[in-house]
Amino acid sequence: MHISEGVLAGPVLLGGAAIAIAGTSIGLKKIDYDQIMTVAILSAAFFIASLVHVPIGPANAHLILSGLLGVILGWAAFPSILVALVLQAVLFQFGGLTVLGLNTFTMAAPAVLCFYLFRPLLTKGNGSRFAAAFACGFIAMLLSAVLTAGALALSGEAFESAARVLLVAHLPVMVIEGIITGFAYTFLAKVKPEALAVSPN
């Protein structure tokens, strides 16, 4: 869901960068020493999951696992995603450095929101855990697509059609993201519940 360089308007870039800086600052303050390894592993998972992408105009579609990152890391999703995006921009020219802030915002902000929406449901050991994890992954991807499309639409009328195509193209990806998040979270809850601070079924 990276937006390429040279596409967005200046105010959109600056606004996204400002929010990304604020979110990353909060995330860094909330990371405990014992949580560093978890943040690093999930950052690597995000890096790998989003390597395979399909170009859609000035953006592209791919898995991001932001719902999983968000519900486990909370605000730490901001620095986790930022590190992965920096490596992708430098190593593979995905996105770019000038759009780094906006790309971080569009993927990390929904992750943090899902933390507050779904964390209470996911920490309970009941049968609805998979459904809640699926919804977490689906909604995180949906909100990221909406924010990315909005950034394109705000950058000029020429990108409004691309914004609509981006939203429609991500619908099947949202379902896949939800399924993967559901299985991944329920698996971790069974084999490593202490890492998620949940009660095992």
N, C-alpha and C. Protein backbone atom coordinates (compact mmCIF):
# COMPACT_ATOMS: atom_id res chain seq x y z
N MET A 1 0.82 -1.18 0.00
CA MET A 1 0.00 0.00 0.00
C MET A 1 0.87 1.26 0.00
N HIS A 2 2.12 1.07 -0.38
CA HIS A 2 3.03 2.21 -0.46
C HIS A 2 2.59 3.17 -1.57
N ILE A 3 2.68 4.45 -1.30
CA ILE A 3 2.49 5.46 -2.34
C ILE A 3 3.86 5.86 -2.85
N SER A 4 3.99 5.98 -4.16
CA SER A 4 5.29 6.30 -4.76
C SER A 4 5.65 7.77 -4.55
N GLU A 5 6.92 8.06 -4.72
CA GLU A 5 7.39 9.44 -4.59
C GLU A 5 6.93 10.28 -5.79
N GLY A 6 6.82 11.58 -5.57
CA GLY A 6 6.46 12.49 -6.64
C GLY A 6 5.00 12.51 -7.00
N VAL A 7 4.15 11.95 -6.13
CA VAL A 7 2.73 11.85 -6.42
C VAL A 7 1.91 12.80 -5.55
N LEU A 8 2.18 12.80 -4.27
CA LEU A 8 1.35 13.53 -3.31
C LEU A 8 1.69 15.01 -3.25
N ALA A 9 0.67 15.79 -2.88
CA ALA A 9 0.86 17.23 -2.69
C ALA A 9 1.66 17.49 -1.42
N GLY A 10 2.35 18.62 -1.38
CA GLY A 10 3.19 18.97 -0.24
C GLY A 10 2.47 18.95 1.10
N PRO A 11 1.31 19.61 1.22
CA PRO A 11 0.60 19.61 2.51
C PRO A 11 0.21 18.21 2.98
N VAL A 12 -0.12 17.32 2.05
CA VAL A 12 -0.48 15.94 2.42
C VAL A 12 0.75 15.22 2.97
N LEU A 13 1.89 15.41 2.31
CA LEU A 13 3.13 14.80 2.79
C LEU A 13 3.51 15.31 4.17
N LEU A 14 3.41 16.62 4.36
CA LEU A 14 3.78 17.22 5.64
C LEU A 14 2.84 16.77 6.76
N GLY A 15 1.55 16.72 6.46
CA GLY A 15 0.59 16.27 7.46
C GLY A 15 0.84 14.83 7.88
N GLY A 16 1.07 13.95 6.90
CA GLY A 16 1.36 12.55 7.21
C GLY A 16 2.65 12.40 8.00
N ALA A 17 3.68 13.18 7.62
CA ALA A 17 4.96 13.10 8.33
C ALA A 17 4.81 13.56 9.77
N ALA A 18 4.05 14.63 10.00
CA ALA A 18 3.86 15.15 11.36
C ALA A 18 3.18 14.12 12.25
N ILE A 19 2.15 13.45 11.72
CA ILE A 19 1.44 12.44 12.52
C ILE A 19 2.35 11.23 12.76
N ALA A 20 3.14 10.86 11.75
CA ALA A 20 4.04 9.72 11.90
C ALA A 20 5.11 10.00 12.95
N ILE A 21 5.62 11.23 12.98
CA ILE A 21 6.63 11.60 13.99
C ILE A 21 6.02 11.53 15.38
N ALA A 22 4.81 12.07 15.52
CA ALA A 22 4.15 12.05 16.83
C ALA A 22 3.87 10.61 17.27
N GLY A 23 3.33 9.79 16.36
CA GLY A 23 3.04 8.40 16.70
C GLY A 23 4.28 7.60 17.04
N THR A 24 5.36 7.83 16.29
CA THR A 24 6.61 7.12 16.55
C THR A 24 7.19 7.53 17.90
N SER A 25 7.10 8.80 18.23
CA SER A 25 7.59 9.28 19.53
C SER A 25 6.85 8.62 20.68
N ILE A 26 5.52 8.56 20.56
CA ILE A 26 4.71 7.90 21.59
C ILE A 26 5.07 6.42 21.66
N GLY A 27 5.20 5.78 20.50
CA GLY A 27 5.52 4.37 20.46
C GLY A 27 6.86 4.05 21.10
N LEU A 28 7.87 4.85 20.83
CA LEU A 28 9.19 4.62 21.42
C LEU A 28 9.16 4.77 22.94
N LYS A 29 8.37 5.71 23.43
CA LYS A 29 8.26 5.90 24.88
C LYS A 29 7.56 4.73 25.55
N LYS A 30 6.67 4.05 24.82
CA LYS A 30 5.89 2.96 25.41
C LYS A 30 6.56 1.59 25.28
N ILE A 31 7.67 1.50 24.54
CA ILE A 31 8.34 0.22 24.37
C ILE A 31 9.16 -0.10 25.61
N ASP A 32 8.88 -1.24 26.22
CA ASP A 32 9.69 -1.72 27.34
C ASP A 32 10.89 -2.50 26.79
N TYR A 33 11.91 -2.62 27.63
CA TYR A 33 13.11 -3.37 27.21
C TYR A 33 12.75 -4.80 26.83
N ASP A 34 11.85 -5.42 27.59
CA ASP A 34 11.47 -6.80 27.32
C ASP A 34 10.65 -6.94 26.04
N GLN A 35 10.15 -5.85 25.52
CA GLN A 35 9.29 -5.87 24.33
C GLN A 35 10.07 -5.67 23.03
N ILE A 36 11.34 -5.33 23.13
CA ILE A 36 12.13 -4.99 21.94
C ILE A 36 12.18 -6.16 20.95
N MET A 37 12.36 -7.37 21.45
CA MET A 37 12.45 -8.53 20.55
C MET A 37 11.13 -8.75 19.82
N THR A 38 10.02 -8.59 20.52
CA THR A 38 8.70 -8.75 19.89
C THR A 38 8.49 -7.71 18.80
N VAL A 39 8.88 -6.47 19.09
CA VAL A 39 8.75 -5.39 18.10
C VAL A 39 9.59 -5.71 16.87
N ALA A 40 10.81 -6.20 17.09
CA ALA A 40 11.71 -6.52 15.97
C ALA A 40 11.16 -7.66 15.12
N ILE A 41 10.62 -8.71 15.77
CA ILE A 41 10.08 -9.85 15.03
C ILE A 41 8.88 -9.44 14.20
N LEU A 42 7.99 -8.64 14.78
CA LEU A 42 6.81 -8.21 14.04
C LEU A 42 7.16 -7.21 12.94
N SER A 43 8.18 -6.42 13.16
CA SER A 43 8.66 -5.53 12.10
C SER A 43 9.18 -6.35 10.92
N ALA A 44 9.90 -7.43 11.22
CA ALA A 44 10.39 -8.33 10.16
C ALA A 44 9.23 -9.01 9.45
N ALA A 45 8.19 -9.40 10.20
CA ALA A 45 7.02 -10.03 9.58
C ALA A 45 6.33 -9.06 8.63
N PHE A 46 6.19 -7.81 9.05
CA PHE A 46 5.61 -6.77 8.19
C PHE A 46 6.47 -6.59 6.94
N PHE A 47 7.78 -6.55 7.11
CA PHE A 47 8.72 -6.38 6.00
C PHE A 47 8.55 -7.47 4.96
N ILE A 48 8.51 -8.72 5.43
CA ILE A 48 8.39 -9.86 4.52
C ILE A 48 7.02 -9.90 3.86
N ALA A 49 5.95 -9.70 4.66
CA ALA A 49 4.59 -9.81 4.12
C ALA A 49 4.32 -8.79 3.03
N SER A 50 4.91 -7.60 3.14
CA SER A 50 4.62 -6.55 2.17
C SER A 50 5.63 -6.49 1.03
N LEU A 51 6.52 -7.48 0.94
CA LEU A 51 7.47 -7.50 -0.17
C LEU A 51 6.77 -7.88 -1.49
N VAL A 52 5.81 -8.79 -1.40
CA VAL A 52 5.09 -9.22 -2.61
C VAL A 52 3.93 -8.26 -2.82
N HIS A 53 4.02 -7.45 -3.88
CA HIS A 53 2.99 -6.44 -4.09
C HIS A 53 2.60 -6.36 -5.56
N VAL A 54 1.36 -5.88 -5.77
CA VAL A 54 0.82 -5.73 -7.12
C VAL A 54 0.61 -4.25 -7.38
N PRO A 55 1.28 -3.67 -8.38
CA PRO A 55 1.13 -2.23 -8.65
C PRO A 55 -0.30 -1.87 -9.04
N ILE A 56 -0.81 -0.78 -8.45
CA ILE A 56 -2.12 -0.22 -8.80
C ILE A 56 -1.95 1.28 -8.99
N GLY A 57 -1.63 1.69 -10.20
CA GLY A 57 -1.39 3.11 -10.46
C GLY A 57 -0.22 3.62 -9.65
N PRO A 58 -0.40 4.71 -8.89
CA PRO A 58 0.70 5.26 -8.09
C PRO A 58 0.90 4.55 -6.76
N ALA A 59 0.11 3.51 -6.47
CA ALA A 59 0.25 2.75 -5.24
C ALA A 59 0.29 1.27 -5.59
N ASN A 60 0.17 0.39 -4.57
CA ASN A 60 0.18 -1.04 -4.84
C ASN A 60 -0.54 -1.78 -3.73
N ALA A 61 -0.95 -3.03 -4.03
CA ALA A 61 -1.67 -3.85 -3.06
C ALA A 61 -0.77 -4.97 -2.56
N HIS A 62 -0.82 -5.21 -1.26
CA HIS A 62 -0.04 -6.29 -0.65
C HIS A 62 -0.50 -6.49 0.78
N LEU A 63 -0.15 -7.61 1.36
CA LEU A 63 -0.43 -7.85 2.77
C LEU A 63 0.43 -6.92 3.62
N ILE A 64 -0.11 -6.51 4.77
CA ILE A 64 0.69 -5.66 5.67
C ILE A 64 0.70 -6.18 7.11
N LEU A 65 -0.28 -6.98 7.49
CA LEU A 65 -0.37 -7.53 8.85
C LEU A 65 -0.43 -6.45 9.92
N SER A 66 -0.92 -5.27 9.56
CA SER A 66 -0.94 -4.16 10.53
C SER A 66 -1.90 -4.43 11.68
N GLY A 67 -2.99 -5.16 11.42
CA GLY A 67 -3.91 -5.49 12.50
C GLY A 67 -3.24 -6.34 13.56
N LEU A 68 -2.45 -7.33 13.12
CA LEU A 68 -1.71 -8.19 14.05
C LEU A 68 -0.69 -7.38 14.83
N LEU A 69 0.05 -6.52 14.14
CA LEU A 69 1.02 -5.67 14.80
C LEU A 69 0.35 -4.76 15.83
N GLY A 70 -0.76 -4.17 15.41
CA GLY A 70 -1.43 -3.22 16.29
C GLY A 70 -1.94 -3.85 17.55
N VAL A 71 -2.62 -5.00 17.43
CA VAL A 71 -3.24 -5.60 18.61
C VAL A 71 -2.21 -6.17 19.58
N ILE A 72 -1.01 -6.48 19.09
CA ILE A 72 0.05 -6.98 19.95
C ILE A 72 0.92 -5.85 20.50
N LEU A 73 1.25 -4.87 19.64
CA LEU A 73 2.21 -3.83 20.02
C LEU A 73 1.58 -2.53 20.49
N GLY A 74 0.36 -2.25 20.09
CA GLY A 74 -0.22 -0.95 20.43
C GLY A 74 0.53 0.18 19.71
N TRP A 75 0.87 1.22 20.45
CA TRP A 75 1.57 2.37 19.87
C TRP A 75 2.94 2.00 19.31
N ALA A 76 3.52 0.92 19.77
CA ALA A 76 4.84 0.50 19.26
C ALA A 76 4.76 0.06 17.80
N ALA A 77 3.54 -0.07 17.26
CA ALA A 77 3.40 -0.38 15.84
C ALA A 77 3.99 0.72 14.97
N PHE A 78 3.95 1.96 15.44
CA PHE A 78 4.50 3.07 14.66
C PHE A 78 6.00 2.88 14.38
N PRO A 79 6.86 2.76 15.42
CA PRO A 79 8.28 2.55 15.11
C PRO A 79 8.56 1.23 14.42
N SER A 80 7.77 0.20 14.73
CA SER A 80 7.96 -1.10 14.08
C SER A 80 7.74 -1.00 12.58
N ILE A 81 6.65 -0.37 12.18
CA ILE A 81 6.34 -0.21 10.75
C ILE A 81 7.30 0.77 10.10
N LEU A 82 7.68 1.81 10.80
CA LEU A 82 8.61 2.80 10.24
C LEU A 82 9.94 2.16 9.87
N VAL A 83 10.48 1.33 10.75
CA VAL A 83 11.77 0.67 10.47
C VAL A 83 11.66 -0.21 9.23
N ALA A 84 10.57 -0.97 9.13
CA ALA A 84 10.39 -1.85 7.97
C ALA A 84 10.26 -1.04 6.68
N LEU A 85 9.54 0.08 6.73
CA LEU A 85 9.37 0.91 5.53
C LEU A 85 10.68 1.57 5.12
N VAL A 86 11.50 1.97 6.08
CA VAL A 86 12.81 2.55 5.75
C VAL A 86 13.65 1.53 5.01
N LEU A 87 13.69 0.30 5.52
CA LEU A 87 14.48 -0.76 4.87
C LEU A 87 13.94 -1.06 3.47
N GLN A 88 12.62 -1.10 3.31
CA GLN A 88 12.05 -1.35 1.98
C GLN A 88 12.36 -0.22 1.01
N ALA A 89 12.32 1.01 1.48
CA ALA A 89 12.62 2.15 0.61
C ALA A 89 14.08 2.16 0.19
N VAL A 90 14.97 1.85 1.13
CA VAL A 90 16.41 1.89 0.85
C VAL A 90 16.87 0.68 0.03
N LEU A 91 16.37 -0.50 0.38
CA LEU A 91 16.84 -1.72 -0.26
C LEU A 91 16.12 -2.05 -1.57
N PHE A 92 14.82 -1.75 -1.64
CA PHE A 92 14.02 -2.18 -2.79
C PHE A 92 13.30 -1.04 -3.50
N GLN A 93 13.48 0.18 -3.04
CA GLN A 93 12.83 1.35 -3.64
C GLN A 93 11.31 1.24 -3.64
N PHE A 94 10.75 0.57 -2.59
CA PHE A 94 9.30 0.55 -2.41
C PHE A 94 8.90 1.83 -1.69
N GLY A 95 7.94 2.56 -2.25
CA GLY A 95 7.55 3.83 -1.63
C GLY A 95 8.65 4.85 -1.89
N GLY A 96 9.29 5.30 -0.84
CA GLY A 96 10.36 6.28 -0.98
C GLY A 96 10.54 7.04 0.32
N LEU A 97 11.61 7.80 0.40
CA LEU A 97 11.92 8.52 1.64
C LEU A 97 11.02 9.74 1.85
N THR A 98 10.63 10.41 0.77
CA THR A 98 9.80 11.60 0.93
C THR A 98 8.37 11.25 1.36
N VAL A 99 7.93 10.06 1.04
CA VAL A 99 6.57 9.63 1.42
C VAL A 99 6.59 8.69 2.63
N LEU A 100 7.74 8.58 3.26
CA LEU A 100 7.91 7.66 4.38
C LEU A 100 6.94 7.98 5.52
N GLY A 101 6.80 9.25 5.85
CA GLY A 101 5.91 9.63 6.94
C GLY A 101 4.46 9.30 6.64
N LEU A 102 4.02 9.64 5.43
CA LEU A 102 2.62 9.37 5.05
C LEU A 102 2.34 7.88 5.00
N ASN A 103 3.27 7.10 4.42
CA ASN A 103 3.08 5.65 4.36
C ASN A 103 3.05 5.04 5.76
N THR A 104 3.89 5.55 6.65
CA THR A 104 3.88 5.06 8.03
C THR A 104 2.54 5.37 8.69
N PHE A 105 2.06 6.58 8.50
CA PHE A 105 0.78 6.97 9.09
C PHE A 105 -0.38 6.12 8.59
N THR A 106 -0.45 5.89 7.27
CA THR A 106 -1.60 5.16 6.72
C THR A 106 -1.64 3.70 7.17
N MET A 107 -0.50 3.14 7.55
CA MET A 107 -0.48 1.74 7.98
C MET A 107 -0.46 1.58 9.49
N ALA A 108 0.20 2.51 10.19
CA ALA A 108 0.34 2.37 11.65
C ALA A 108 -0.86 2.93 12.42
N ALA A 109 -1.45 4.01 11.94
CA ALA A 109 -2.59 4.60 12.66
C ALA A 109 -3.76 3.62 12.78
N PRO A 110 -4.16 2.93 11.68
CA PRO A 110 -5.22 1.92 11.83
C PRO A 110 -4.83 0.79 12.78
N ALA A 111 -3.54 0.46 12.81
CA ALA A 111 -3.07 -0.60 13.71
C ALA A 111 -3.30 -0.21 15.17
N VAL A 112 -2.98 1.03 15.49
CA VAL A 112 -3.17 1.51 16.87
C VAL A 112 -4.66 1.58 17.21
N LEU A 113 -5.46 2.03 16.26
CA LEU A 113 -6.90 2.09 16.49
C LEU A 113 -7.47 0.70 16.77
N CYS A 114 -7.01 -0.29 16.01
CA CYS A 114 -7.48 -1.66 16.21
C CYS A 114 -7.04 -2.21 17.56
N PHE A 115 -5.92 -1.73 18.07
CA PHE A 115 -5.47 -2.13 19.40
C PHE A 115 -6.53 -1.75 20.44
N TYR A 116 -7.04 -0.55 20.35
CA TYR A 116 -8.05 -0.09 21.30
C TYR A 116 -9.41 -0.72 21.06
N LEU A 117 -9.73 -1.02 19.80
CA LEU A 117 -11.03 -1.59 19.47
C LEU A 117 -11.13 -3.07 19.81
N PHE A 118 -10.05 -3.83 19.54
CA PHE A 118 -10.15 -5.28 19.61
C PHE A 118 -9.34 -5.93 20.72
N ARG A 119 -8.42 -5.23 21.31
CA ARG A 119 -7.60 -5.82 22.37
C ARG A 119 -8.45 -6.38 23.52
N PRO A 120 -9.49 -5.65 24.00
CA PRO A 120 -10.30 -6.21 25.08
C PRO A 120 -10.96 -7.54 24.71
N LEU A 121 -11.40 -7.67 23.46
CA LEU A 121 -12.03 -8.92 23.02
C LEU A 121 -11.01 -10.05 22.88
N LEU A 122 -9.82 -9.71 22.41
CA LEU A 122 -8.82 -10.73 22.12
C LEU A 122 -8.12 -11.26 23.36
N THR A 123 -8.13 -10.51 24.44
CA THR A 123 -7.47 -10.99 25.66
C THR A 123 -8.33 -11.95 26.45
N LYS A 124 -9.59 -12.10 26.07
CA LYS A 124 -10.48 -13.04 26.74
C LYS A 124 -10.39 -14.41 26.07
N GLY A 125 -10.34 -15.44 26.87
CA GLY A 125 -10.26 -16.79 26.33
C GLY A 125 -11.63 -17.34 25.98
N ASN A 126 -12.19 -16.93 24.86
CA ASN A 126 -13.49 -17.45 24.46
C ASN A 126 -13.49 -17.76 22.97
N GLY A 127 -14.60 -18.31 22.49
CA GLY A 127 -14.68 -18.76 21.11
C GLY A 127 -14.70 -17.67 20.07
N SER A 128 -14.86 -16.43 20.50
CA SER A 128 -14.94 -15.32 19.54
C SER A 128 -13.58 -14.75 19.18
N ARG A 129 -12.53 -15.38 19.67
CA ARG A 129 -11.19 -14.82 19.45
C ARG A 129 -10.83 -14.77 17.96
N PHE A 130 -11.12 -15.85 17.23
CA PHE A 130 -10.79 -15.85 15.80
C PHE A 130 -11.57 -14.76 15.07
N ALA A 131 -12.86 -14.64 15.37
CA ALA A 131 -13.69 -13.63 14.71
C ALA A 131 -13.17 -12.23 15.00
N ALA A 132 -12.77 -11.98 16.24
CA ALA A 132 -12.26 -10.66 16.60
C ALA A 132 -10.93 -10.39 15.90
N ALA A 133 -10.07 -11.42 15.81
CA ALA A 133 -8.78 -11.25 15.14
C ALA A 133 -8.98 -11.04 13.64
N PHE A 134 -9.95 -11.77 13.05
CA PHE A 134 -10.27 -11.56 11.63
C PHE A 134 -10.73 -10.12 11.40
N ALA A 135 -11.65 -9.66 12.24
CA ALA A 135 -12.15 -8.28 12.10
C ALA A 135 -11.03 -7.27 12.28
N CYS A 136 -10.12 -7.56 13.18
CA CYS A 136 -8.98 -6.66 13.41
C CYS A 136 -8.13 -6.53 12.15
N GLY A 137 -7.79 -7.66 11.53
CA GLY A 137 -6.99 -7.62 10.30
C GLY A 137 -7.73 -6.98 9.15
N PHE A 138 -9.01 -7.31 9.01
CA PHE A 138 -9.83 -6.76 7.93
C PHE A 138 -9.98 -5.25 8.05
N ILE A 139 -10.33 -4.79 9.24
CA ILE A 139 -10.59 -3.36 9.43
C ILE A 139 -9.30 -2.54 9.36
N ALA A 140 -8.20 -3.09 9.85
CA ALA A 140 -6.92 -2.38 9.75
C ALA A 140 -6.56 -2.14 8.29
N MET A 141 -6.72 -3.18 7.47
CA MET A 141 -6.43 -3.04 6.04
C MET A 141 -7.42 -2.09 5.37
N LEU A 142 -8.69 -2.18 5.75
CA LEU A 142 -9.71 -1.29 5.19
C LEU A 142 -9.39 0.17 5.49
N LEU A 143 -9.04 0.46 6.74
CA LEU A 143 -8.74 1.84 7.11
C LEU A 143 -7.46 2.34 6.43
N SER A 144 -6.48 1.46 6.28
CA SER A 144 -5.26 1.85 5.57
C SER A 144 -5.56 2.18 4.12
N ALA A 145 -6.42 1.37 3.49
CA ALA A 145 -6.80 1.63 2.10
C ALA A 145 -7.56 2.95 1.98
N VAL A 146 -8.44 3.22 2.94
CA VAL A 146 -9.21 4.47 2.93
C VAL A 146 -8.27 5.67 3.10
N LEU A 147 -7.32 5.57 4.03
CA LEU A 147 -6.38 6.68 4.26
C LEU A 147 -5.48 6.90 3.03
N THR A 148 -5.03 5.80 2.43
CA THR A 148 -4.18 5.92 1.24
C THR A 148 -4.96 6.53 0.08
N ALA A 149 -6.19 6.06 -0.12
CA ALA A 149 -7.04 6.62 -1.17
C ALA A 149 -7.33 8.09 -0.90
N GLY A 150 -7.56 8.43 0.36
CA GLY A 150 -7.81 9.81 0.73
C GLY A 150 -6.62 10.71 0.45
N ALA A 151 -5.43 10.20 0.73
CA ALA A 151 -4.22 10.98 0.46
C ALA A 151 -4.06 11.24 -1.04
N LEU A 152 -4.39 10.23 -1.85
CA LEU A 152 -4.33 10.41 -3.30
C LEU A 152 -5.38 11.42 -3.77
N ALA A 153 -6.60 11.29 -3.26
CA ALA A 153 -7.68 12.19 -3.67
C ALA A 153 -7.38 13.64 -3.28
N LEU A 154 -6.75 13.84 -2.12
CA LEU A 154 -6.42 15.19 -1.67
C LEU A 154 -5.28 15.81 -2.47
N SER A 155 -4.58 14.99 -3.23
CA SER A 155 -3.43 15.49 -3.99
C SER A 155 -3.80 15.94 -5.40
N GLY A 156 -5.07 15.86 -5.76
CA GLY A 156 -5.49 16.35 -7.07
C GLY A 156 -6.56 15.49 -7.70
N GLU A 157 -7.36 16.11 -8.55
CA GLU A 157 -8.44 15.37 -9.22
C GLU A 157 -7.93 14.26 -10.10
N ALA A 158 -6.70 14.41 -10.58
CA ALA A 158 -6.13 13.38 -11.48
C ALA A 158 -5.99 12.03 -10.78
N PHE A 159 -5.94 12.04 -9.44
CA PHE A 159 -5.74 10.79 -8.70
C PHE A 159 -7.01 10.23 -8.11
N GLU A 160 -8.15 10.88 -8.35
CA GLU A 160 -9.40 10.41 -7.76
C GLU A 160 -9.80 9.04 -8.30
N SER A 161 -9.61 8.82 -9.59
CA SER A 161 -9.94 7.51 -10.17
C SER A 161 -9.01 6.44 -9.62
N ALA A 162 -7.73 6.77 -9.46
CA ALA A 162 -6.77 5.81 -8.90
C ALA A 162 -7.13 5.49 -7.46
N ALA A 163 -7.64 6.47 -6.73
CA ALA A 163 -8.04 6.24 -5.34
C ALA A 163 -9.20 5.24 -5.27
N ARG A 164 -10.17 5.39 -6.18
CA ARG A 164 -11.30 4.46 -6.20
C ARG A 164 -10.85 3.05 -6.57
N VAL A 165 -9.97 2.94 -7.57
CA VAL A 165 -9.45 1.63 -7.98
C VAL A 165 -8.69 0.98 -6.84
N LEU A 166 -7.94 1.79 -6.09
CA LEU A 166 -7.17 1.28 -4.97
C LEU A 166 -8.07 0.64 -3.92
N LEU A 167 -9.16 1.30 -3.61
CA LEU A 167 -10.10 0.78 -2.61
C LEU A 167 -10.72 -0.54 -3.06
N VAL A 168 -11.19 -0.57 -4.30
CA VAL A 168 -11.84 -1.78 -4.82
C VAL A 168 -10.84 -2.93 -4.90
N ALA A 169 -9.63 -2.66 -5.36
CA ALA A 169 -8.62 -3.71 -5.52
C ALA A 169 -8.21 -4.33 -4.20
N HIS A 170 -8.34 -3.58 -3.11
CA HIS A 170 -7.92 -4.10 -1.81
C HIS A 170 -8.98 -4.93 -1.11
N LEU A 171 -10.20 -4.98 -1.65
CA LEU A 171 -11.25 -5.75 -0.99
C LEU A 171 -10.89 -7.22 -0.78
N PRO A 172 -10.41 -7.94 -1.82
CA PRO A 172 -10.01 -9.33 -1.57
C PRO A 172 -8.80 -9.44 -0.64
N VAL A 173 -7.91 -8.45 -0.70
CA VAL A 173 -6.73 -8.46 0.17
C VAL A 173 -7.15 -8.30 1.62
N MET A 174 -8.20 -7.53 1.87
CA MET A 174 -8.71 -7.34 3.23
C MET A 174 -9.18 -8.66 3.82
N VAL A 175 -9.87 -9.46 3.00
CA VAL A 175 -10.35 -10.76 3.47
C VAL A 175 -9.17 -11.68 3.79
N ILE A 176 -8.20 -11.72 2.90
CA ILE A 176 -7.01 -12.55 3.13
C ILE A 176 -6.27 -12.09 4.38
N GLU A 177 -6.13 -10.79 4.53
CA GLU A 177 -5.46 -10.23 5.70
C GLU A 177 -6.19 -10.64 6.98
N GLY A 178 -7.52 -10.58 6.94
CA GLY A 178 -8.30 -10.97 8.11
C GLY A 178 -8.12 -12.44 8.46
N ILE A 179 -8.12 -13.30 7.46
CA ILE A 179 -7.95 -14.74 7.70
C ILE A 179 -6.58 -15.03 8.29
N ILE A 180 -5.54 -14.45 7.72
CA ILE A 180 -4.18 -14.67 8.22
C ILE A 180 -4.05 -14.15 9.65
N THR A 181 -4.60 -12.97 9.91
CA THR A 181 -4.54 -12.41 11.26
C THR A 181 -5.29 -13.30 12.25
N GLY A 182 -6.45 -13.81 11.83
CA GLY A 182 -7.22 -14.69 12.70
C GLY A 182 -6.46 -15.95 13.07
N PHE A 183 -5.89 -16.63 12.08
CA PHE A 183 -5.14 -17.86 12.36
C PHE A 183 -3.86 -17.58 13.15
N ALA A 184 -3.15 -16.51 12.78
CA ALA A 184 -1.89 -16.20 13.45
C ALA A 184 -2.12 -15.88 14.92
N TYR A 185 -3.14 -15.06 15.20
CA TYR A 185 -3.38 -14.67 16.59
C TYR A 185 -3.87 -15.84 17.43
N THR A 186 -4.81 -16.62 16.90
CA THR A 186 -5.32 -17.75 17.69
C THR A 186 -4.23 -18.79 17.92
N PHE A 187 -3.34 -18.97 16.94
CA PHE A 187 -2.22 -19.91 17.12
C PHE A 187 -1.29 -19.42 18.23
N LEU A 188 -0.93 -18.13 18.17
CA LEU A 188 -0.04 -17.58 19.20
C LEU A 188 -0.71 -17.62 20.58
N ALA A 189 -2.01 -17.42 20.62
CA ALA A 189 -2.73 -17.44 21.90
C ALA A 189 -2.70 -18.83 22.53
N LYS A 190 -2.60 -19.87 21.70
CA LYS A 190 -2.57 -21.24 22.22
C LYS A 190 -1.16 -21.66 22.63
N VAL A 191 -0.16 -21.33 21.79
CA VAL A 191 1.19 -21.83 22.06
C VAL A 191 2.05 -20.85 22.86
N LYS A 192 1.73 -19.58 22.82
CA LYS A 192 2.55 -18.59 23.52
C LYS A 192 1.65 -17.49 24.11
N PRO A 193 0.70 -17.84 24.96
CA PRO A 193 -0.24 -16.83 25.46
C PRO A 193 0.42 -15.73 26.28
N GLU A 194 1.55 -16.06 26.93
CA GLU A 194 2.23 -15.03 27.73
C GLU A 194 2.78 -13.90 26.87
N ALA A 195 3.11 -14.20 25.61
CA ALA A 195 3.62 -13.17 24.71
C ALA A 195 2.53 -12.18 24.31
N LEU A 196 1.27 -12.63 24.36
CA LEU A 196 0.15 -11.79 23.99
C LEU A 196 -0.58 -11.24 25.20
N ALA A 197 -0.20 -11.70 26.38
CA ALA A 197 -0.89 -11.32 27.62
C ALA A 197 -2.36 -11.67 27.54
N VAL A 198 -2.64 -12.90 27.08
CA VAL A 198 -4.02 -13.37 26.98
C VAL A 198 -4.19 -14.63 27.83
N SER A 199 -5.43 -14.98 28.08
CA SER A 199 -5.72 -16.22 28.79
C SER A 199 -5.93 -17.31 27.76
N PRO A 200 -5.23 -18.45 27.87
CA PRO A 200 -5.39 -19.52 26.87
C PRO A 200 -6.77 -20.14 26.95
N ASN A 201 -7.23 -20.66 25.79
CA ASN A 201 -8.54 -21.33 25.76
C ASN A 201 -8.48 -22.64 26.55
